[in-house]
Amino acid sequence: DAPPLQGRAREVLDAASLHIAGLRSVASR
């Protein structure tokens, strides 16, 4: 039932984008 790697990679990178955005927001303040 595991999703294909492409799907997992997309999910991981979507979460990473949120973390990176949070870091950039902190840096700006």
PDB file of all heavy atoms in Angstrom:
ATOM      1  N   ASP A   1       0.804  -1.217   0.000  1.00  0.00           N
ATOM      2  CA  ASP A   1       0.000   0.000   0.000  1.00  0.00           C
ATOM      3  C   ASP A   1       0.838   1.269   0.000  1.00  0.00           C
ATOM      4  O   ASP A   1       0.287   2.372   0.015  1.00  0.00           O
ATOM      5  CB  ASP A   1      -0.923   0.016   1.230  1.00  0.00           C
ATOM      6  CG  ASP A   1      -1.881  -1.166   1.229  1.00  0.00           C
ATOM      7  OD1 ASP A   1      -2.241  -1.626   0.134  1.00  0.00           O
ATOM      8  OD2 ASP A   1      -2.241  -1.610   2.318  1.00  0.00           O
ATOM      9  N   ALA A   2       2.180   1.137   0.044  1.00  0.00           N
ATOM     10  CA  ALA A   2       3.032   2.319   0.142  1.00  0.00           C
ATOM     11  C   ALA A   2       2.910   3.161  -1.122  1.00  0.00           C
ATOM     12  O   ALA A   2       2.863   2.619  -2.228  1.00  0.00           O
ATOM     13  CB  ALA A   2       4.489   1.897   0.342  1.00  0.00           C
ATOM     14  N   PRO A   3       2.862   4.485  -0.953  1.00  0.00           N
ATOM     15  CA  PRO A   3       2.782   5.355  -2.129  1.00  0.00           C
ATOM     16  C   PRO A   3       4.090   5.300  -2.902  1.00  0.00           C
ATOM     17  O   PRO A   3       5.133   4.948  -2.356  1.00  0.00           O
ATOM     18  CB  PRO A   3       2.564   6.745  -1.513  1.00  0.00           C
ATOM     19  CG  PRO A   3       3.136   6.641  -0.145  1.00  0.00           C
ATOM     20  CD  PRO A   3       2.910   5.231   0.302  1.00  0.00           C
ATOM     21  N   PRO A   4       4.069   5.650  -4.187  1.00  0.00           N
ATOM     22  CA  PRO A   4       5.312   5.670  -4.953  1.00  0.00           C
ATOM     23  C   PRO A   4       6.264   6.707  -4.394  1.00  0.00           C
ATOM     24  O   PRO A   4       5.855   7.657  -3.730  1.00  0.00           O
ATOM     25  CB  PRO A   4       4.837   6.046  -6.369  1.00  0.00           C
ATOM     26  CG  PRO A   4       3.514   6.703  -6.163  1.00  0.00           C
ATOM     27  CD  PRO A   4       2.906   6.045  -4.967  1.00  0.00           C
ATOM     28  N   LEU A   5       7.553   6.529  -4.671  1.00  0.00           N
ATOM     29  CA  LEU A   5       8.564   7.423  -4.106  1.00  0.00           C
ATOM     30  C   LEU A   5       8.324   8.860  -4.503  1.00  0.00           C
ATOM     31  O   LEU A   5       8.557   9.779  -3.748  1.00  0.00           O
ATOM     32  CB  LEU A   5       9.953   6.962  -4.553  1.00  0.00           C
ATOM     33  CG  LEU A   5      11.126   7.744  -3.965  1.00  0.00           C
ATOM     34  CD1 LEU A   5      11.109   7.677  -2.454  1.00  0.00           C
ATOM     35  CD2 LEU A   5      12.446   7.208  -4.503  1.00  0.00           C
ATOM     36  N   GLN A   6       7.862   9.078  -5.733  1.00  0.00           N
ATOM     37  CA  GLN A   6       7.594  10.441  -6.180  1.00  0.00           C
ATOM     38  C   GLN A   6       6.580  11.113  -5.262  1.00  0.00           C
ATOM     39  O   GLN A   6       6.731  12.268  -4.895  1.00  0.00           O
ATOM     40  CB  GLN A   6       7.070  10.425  -7.627  1.00  0.00           C
ATOM     41  CG  GLN A   6       6.777  11.807  -8.184  1.00  0.00           C
ATOM     42  CD  GLN A   6       8.017  12.673  -8.248  1.00  0.00           C
ATOM     43  OE1 GLN A   6       9.088  12.201  -8.636  1.00  0.00           O
ATOM     44  NE2 GLN A   6       7.900  13.931  -7.882  1.00  0.00           N
ATOM     45  N   GLY A   7       5.548  10.379  -4.867  1.00  0.00           N
ATOM     46  CA  GLY A   7       4.544  10.939  -3.964  1.00  0.00           C
ATOM     47  C   GLY A   7       5.110  11.242  -2.597  1.00  0.00           C
ATOM     48  O   GLY A   7       4.807  12.267  -1.998  1.00  0.00           O
ATOM     49  N   ARG A   8       5.954  10.341  -2.078  1.00  0.00           N
ATOM     50  CA  ARG A   8       6.573  10.564  -0.773  1.00  0.00           C
ATOM     51  C   ARG A   8       7.493  11.762  -0.827  1.00  0.00           C
ATOM     52  O   ARG A   8       7.534  12.571   0.092  1.00  0.00           O
ATOM     53  CB  ARG A   8       7.362   9.314  -0.342  1.00  0.00           C
ATOM     54  CG  ARG A   8       6.575   8.353   0.513  1.00  0.00           C
ATOM     55  CD  ARG A   8       7.453   7.480   1.375  1.00  0.00           C
ATOM     56  NE  ARG A   8       8.585   6.877   0.701  1.00  0.00           N
ATOM     57  CZ  ARG A   8       8.552   5.776  -0.017  1.00  0.00           C
ATOM     58  NH1 ARG A   8       7.399   5.156  -0.212  1.00  0.00           N
ATOM     59  NH2 ARG A   8       9.645   5.280  -0.553  1.00  0.00           N
ATOM     60  N   ALA A   9       8.262  11.863  -1.907  1.00  0.00           N
ATOM     61  CA  ALA A   9       9.193  12.977  -2.041  1.00  0.00           C
ATOM     62  C   ALA A   9       8.431  14.301  -2.082  1.00  0.00           C
ATOM     63  O   ALA A   9       8.846  15.287  -1.457  1.00  0.00           O
ATOM     64  CB  ALA A   9      10.024  12.803  -3.315  1.00  0.00           C
ATOM     65  N   ARG A  10       7.323  14.313  -2.792  1.00  0.00           N
ATOM     66  CA  ARG A  10       6.532  15.541  -2.872  1.00  0.00           C
ATOM     67  C   ARG A  10       5.988  15.925  -1.500  1.00  0.00           C
ATOM     68  O   ARG A  10       6.002  17.097  -1.109  1.00  0.00           O
ATOM     69  CB  ARG A  10       5.383  15.344  -3.870  1.00  0.00           C
ATOM     70  CG  ARG A  10       4.581  16.620  -4.129  1.00  0.00           C
ATOM     71  CD  ARG A  10       3.726  16.493  -5.381  1.00  0.00           C
ATOM     72  NE  ARG A  10       2.914  15.290  -5.370  1.00  0.00           N
ATOM     73  CZ  ARG A  10       3.104  14.263  -6.213  1.00  0.00           C
ATOM     74  NH1 ARG A  10       4.085  14.276  -7.095  1.00  0.00           N
ATOM     75  NH2 ARG A  10       2.314  13.194  -6.149  1.00  0.00           N
ATOM     76  N   GLU A  11       5.530  14.945  -0.746  1.00  0.00           N
ATOM     77  CA  GLU A  11       5.012  15.216   0.599  1.00  0.00           C
ATOM     78  C   GLU A  11       6.103  15.757   1.518  1.00  0.00           C
ATOM     79  O   GLU A  11       5.892  16.720   2.273  1.00  0.00           O
ATOM     80  CB  GLU A  11       4.437  13.916   1.178  1.00  0.00           C
ATOM     81  CG  GLU A  11       3.856  14.065   2.568  1.00  0.00           C
ATOM     82  CD  GLU A  11       3.334  12.745   3.109  1.00  0.00           C
ATOM     83  OE1 GLU A  11       3.129  11.813   2.312  1.00  0.00           O
ATOM     84  OE2 GLU A  11       3.144  12.665   4.331  1.00  0.00           O
ATOM     85  N   VAL A  12       7.289  15.151   1.439  1.00  0.00           N
ATOM     86  CA  VAL A  12       8.410  15.594   2.272  1.00  0.00           C
ATOM     87  C   VAL A  12       8.820  17.015   1.911  1.00  0.00           C
ATOM     88  O   VAL A  12       9.065  17.854   2.788  1.00  0.00           O
ATOM     89  CB  VAL A  12       9.602  14.621   2.117  1.00  0.00           C
ATOM     90  CG1 VAL A  12      10.870  15.214   2.731  1.00  0.00           C
ATOM     91  CG2 VAL A  12       9.292  13.294   2.793  1.00  0.00           C
ATOM     92  N   LEU A  13       8.894  17.296   0.620  1.00  0.00           N
ATOM     93  CA  LEU A  13       9.331  18.626   0.189  1.00  0.00           C
ATOM     94  C   LEU A  13       8.289  19.694   0.501  1.00  0.00           C
ATOM     95  O   LEU A  13       8.647  20.850   0.779  1.00  0.00           O
ATOM     96  CB  LEU A  13       9.646  18.611  -1.308  1.00  0.00           C
ATOM     97  CG  LEU A  13      10.863  17.775  -1.721  1.00  0.00           C
ATOM     98  CD1 LEU A  13      11.112  17.898  -3.213  1.00  0.00           C
ATOM     99  CD2 LEU A  13      12.100  18.182  -0.939  1.00  0.00           C
ATOM    100  N   ASP A  14       7.023  19.342   0.478  1.00  0.00           N
ATOM    101  CA  ASP A  14       5.983  20.301   0.857  1.00  0.00           C
ATOM    102  C   ASP A  14       6.135  20.695   2.327  1.00  0.00           C
ATOM    103  O   ASP A  14       6.036  21.878   2.694  1.00  0.00           O
ATOM    104  CB  ASP A  14       4.593  19.706   0.623  1.00  0.00           C
ATOM    105  CG  ASP A  14       4.222  19.652  -0.850  1.00  0.00           C
ATOM    106  OD1 ASP A  14       4.911  20.309  -1.651  1.00  0.00           O
ATOM    107  OD2 ASP A  14       3.248  18.955  -1.196  1.00  0.00           O
ATOM    108  N   ALA A  15       6.384  19.699   3.180  1.00  0.00           N
ATOM    109  CA  ALA A  15       6.592  19.997   4.606  1.00  0.00           C
ATOM    110  C   ALA A  15       7.869  20.805   4.803  1.00  0.00           C
ATOM    111  O   ALA A  15       7.910  21.734   5.619  1.00  0.00           O
ATOM    112  CB  ALA A  15       6.660  18.691   5.404  1.00  0.00           C
ATOM    113  N   ALA A  16       8.909  20.470   4.037  1.00  0.00           N
ATOM    114  CA  ALA A  16      10.175  21.199   4.148  1.00  0.00           C
ATOM    115  C   ALA A  16       9.998  22.666   3.763  1.00  0.00           C
ATOM    116  O   ALA A  16      10.597  23.556   4.380  1.00  0.00           O
ATOM    117  CB  ALA A  16      11.236  20.542   3.270  1.00  0.00           C
ATOM    118  N   SER A  17       9.179  22.925   2.760  1.00  0.00           N
ATOM    119  CA  SER A  17       8.948  24.311   2.331  1.00  0.00           C
ATOM    120  C   SER A  17       8.359  25.148   3.456  1.00  0.00           C
ATOM    121  O   SER A  17       8.704  26.323   3.628  1.00  0.00           O
ATOM    122  CB  SER A  17       8.014  24.340   1.117  1.00  0.00           C
ATOM    123  OG  SER A  17       8.615  23.719   0.011  1.00  0.00           O
ATOM    124  N   LEU A  18       7.480  24.549   4.239  1.00  0.00           N
ATOM    125  CA  LEU A  18       6.897  25.263   5.373  1.00  0.00           C
ATOM    126  C   LEU A  18       7.954  25.576   6.433  1.00  0.00           C
ATOM    127  O   LEU A  18       7.978  26.672   7.003  1.00  0.00           O
ATOM    128  CB  LEU A  18       5.768  24.435   5.991  1.00  0.00           C
ATOM    129  CG  LEU A  18       4.548  24.182   5.092  1.00  0.00           C
ATOM    130  CD1 LEU A  18       3.535  23.292   5.814  1.00  0.00           C
ATOM    131  CD2 LEU A  18       3.895  25.507   4.687  1.00  0.00           C
ATOM    132  N   HIS A  19       8.836  24.610   6.694  1.00  0.00           N
ATOM    133  CA  HIS A  19       9.899  24.845   7.676  1.00  0.00           C
ATOM    134  C   HIS A  19      10.861  25.941   7.205  1.00  0.00           C
ATOM    135  O   HIS A  19      11.261  26.803   7.992  1.00  0.00           O
ATOM    136  CB  HIS A  19      10.676  23.554   7.930  1.00  0.00           C
ATOM    137  CG  HIS A  19       9.880  22.478   8.607  1.00  0.00           C
ATOM    138  ND1 HIS A  19       9.112  22.723   9.729  1.00  0.00           N
ATOM    139  CD2 HIS A  19       9.740  21.162   8.311  1.00  0.00           C
ATOM    140  CE1 HIS A  19       8.530  21.587  10.103  1.00  0.00           C
ATOM    141  NE2 HIS A  19       8.887  20.641   9.271  1.00  0.00           N
ATOM    142  N   ILE A  20      11.204  25.896   5.922  1.00  0.00           N
ATOM    143  CA  ILE A  20      12.116  26.905   5.379  1.00  0.00           C
ATOM    144  C   ILE A  20      11.468  28.289   5.417  1.00  0.00           C
ATOM    145  O   ILE A  20      12.110  29.290   5.766  1.00  0.00           O
ATOM    146  CB  ILE A  20      12.531  26.533   3.942  1.00  0.00           C
ATOM    147  CG1 ILE A  20      13.378  25.252   3.969  1.00  0.00           C
ATOM    148  CG2 ILE A  20      13.313  27.668   3.298  1.00  0.00           C
ATOM    149  CD1 ILE A  20      13.665  24.679   2.589  1.00  0.00           C
ATOM    150  N   ALA A  21      10.185  28.348   5.093  1.00  0.00           N
ATOM    151  CA  ALA A  21       9.473  29.632   5.150  1.00  0.00           C
ATOM    152  C   ALA A  21       9.452  30.170   6.574  1.00  0.00           C
ATOM    153  O   ALA A  21       9.603  31.386   6.798  1.00  0.00           O
ATOM    154  CB  ALA A  21       8.051  29.458   4.621  1.00  0.00           C
ATOM    155  N   GLY A  22       9.262  29.271   7.548  1.00  0.00           N
ATOM    156  CA  GLY A  22       9.289  29.701   8.943  1.00  0.00           C
ATOM    157  C   GLY A  22      10.643  30.238   9.347  1.00  0.00           C
ATOM    158  O   GLY A  22      10.739  31.264  10.062  1.00  0.00           O
ATOM    159  N   LEU A  23      11.725  29.576   8.901  1.00  0.00           N
ATOM    160  CA  LEU A  23      13.072  30.063   9.204  1.00  0.00           C
ATOM    161  C   LEU A  23      13.328  31.428   8.575  1.00  0.00           C
ATOM    162  O   LEU A  23      13.906  32.323   9.206  1.00  0.00           O
ATOM    163  CB  LEU A  23      14.110  29.050   8.702  1.00  0.00           C
ATOM    164  CG  LEU A  23      14.259  27.765   9.520  1.00  0.00           C
ATOM    165  CD1 LEU A  23      15.112  26.742   8.766  1.00  0.00           C
ATOM    166  CD2 LEU A  23      14.890  28.069  10.871  1.00  0.00           C
ATOM    167  N   ARG A  24      12.907  31.610   7.340  1.00  0.00           N
ATOM    168  CA  ARG A  24      13.112  32.905   6.669  1.00  0.00           C
ATOM    169  C   ARG A  24      12.309  34.007   7.363  1.00  0.00           C
ATOM    170  O   ARG A  24      12.764  35.155   7.474  1.00  0.00           O
ATOM    171  CB  ARG A  24      12.716  32.797   5.196  1.00  0.00           C
ATOM    172  CG  ARG A  24      13.687  31.977   4.363  1.00  0.00           C
ATOM    173  CD  ARG A  24      13.649  32.383   2.906  1.00  0.00           C
ATOM    174  NE  ARG A  24      14.527  31.573   2.092  1.00  0.00           N
ATOM    175  CZ  ARG A  24      15.828  31.752   1.965  1.00  0.00           C
ATOM    176  NH1 ARG A  24      16.405  32.741   2.640  1.00  0.00           N
ATOM    177  NH2 ARG A  24      16.556  30.979   1.182  1.00  0.00           N
ATOM    178  N   SER A  25      11.131  33.663   7.828  1.00  0.00           N
ATOM    179  CA  SER A  25      10.309  34.644   8.526  1.00  0.00           C
ATOM    180  C   SER A  25      10.990  35.093   9.821  1.00  0.00           C
ATOM    181  O   SER A  25      11.012  36.288  10.149  1.00  0.00           O
ATOM    182  CB  SER A  25       8.930  34.045   8.828  1.00  0.00           C
ATOM    183  OG  SER A  25       8.126  34.950   9.540  1.00  0.00           O
ATOM    184  N   VAL A  26      11.553  34.129  10.551  1.00  0.00           N
ATOM    185  CA  VAL A  26      12.278  34.474  11.784  1.00  0.00           C
ATOM    186  C   VAL A  26      13.476  35.359  11.452  1.00  0.00           C
ATOM    187  O   VAL A  26      13.714  36.381  12.115  1.00  0.00           O
ATOM    188  CB  VAL A  26      12.740  33.193  12.515  1.00  0.00           C
ATOM    189  CG1 VAL A  26      13.732  33.524  13.625  1.00  0.00           C
ATOM    190  CG2 VAL A  26      11.542  32.448  13.091  1.00  0.00           C
ATOM    191  N   ALA A  27      14.238  34.977  10.433  1.00  0.00           N
ATOM    192  CA  ALA A  27      15.430  35.747  10.065  1.00  0.00           C
ATOM    193  C   ALA A  27      15.086  37.189   9.728  1.00  0.00           C
ATOM    194  O   ALA A  27      15.838  38.118  10.056  1.00  0.00           O
ATOM    195  CB  ALA A  27      16.132  35.076   8.887  1.00  0.00           C
ATOM    196  N   SER A  28      13.943  37.397   9.089  1.00  0.00           N
ATOM    197  CA  SER A  28      13.551  38.756   8.693  1.00  0.00           C
ATOM    198  C   SER A  28      13.210  39.636   9.886  1.00  0.00           C
ATOM    199  O   SER A  28      13.240  40.869   9.789  1.00  0.00           O
ATOM    200  CB  SER A  28      12.361  38.688   7.738  1.00  0.00           C
ATOM    201  OG  SER A  28      11.191  38.233   8.420  1.00  0.00           O
ATOM    202  N   ARG A  29      12.893  39.017  11.023  1.00  0.00           N
ATOM    203  CA  ARG A  29      12.508  39.799  12.209  1.00  0.00           C
ATOM    204  C   ARG A  29      13.653  40.010  13.187  1.00  0.00           C
ATOM    205  O   ARG A  29      13.497  40.754  14.157  1.00  0.00           O
ATOM    206  CB  ARG A  29      11.356  39.097  12.947  1.00  0.00           C
ATOM    207  CG  ARG A  29      10.062  39.059  12.181  1.00  0.00           C
ATOM    208  CD  ARG A  29       8.906  38.619  13.067  1.00  0.00           C
ATOM    209  NE  ARG A  29       9.088  37.249  13.561  1.00  0.00           N
ATOM    210  CZ  ARG A  29       8.657  36.157  12.929  1.00  0.00           C
ATOM    211  NH1 ARG A  29       8.052  36.276  11.753  1.00  0.00           N
ATOM    212  NH2 ARG A  29       8.832  34.948  13.446  1.00  0.00           N
TER     213      ARG A  29
END
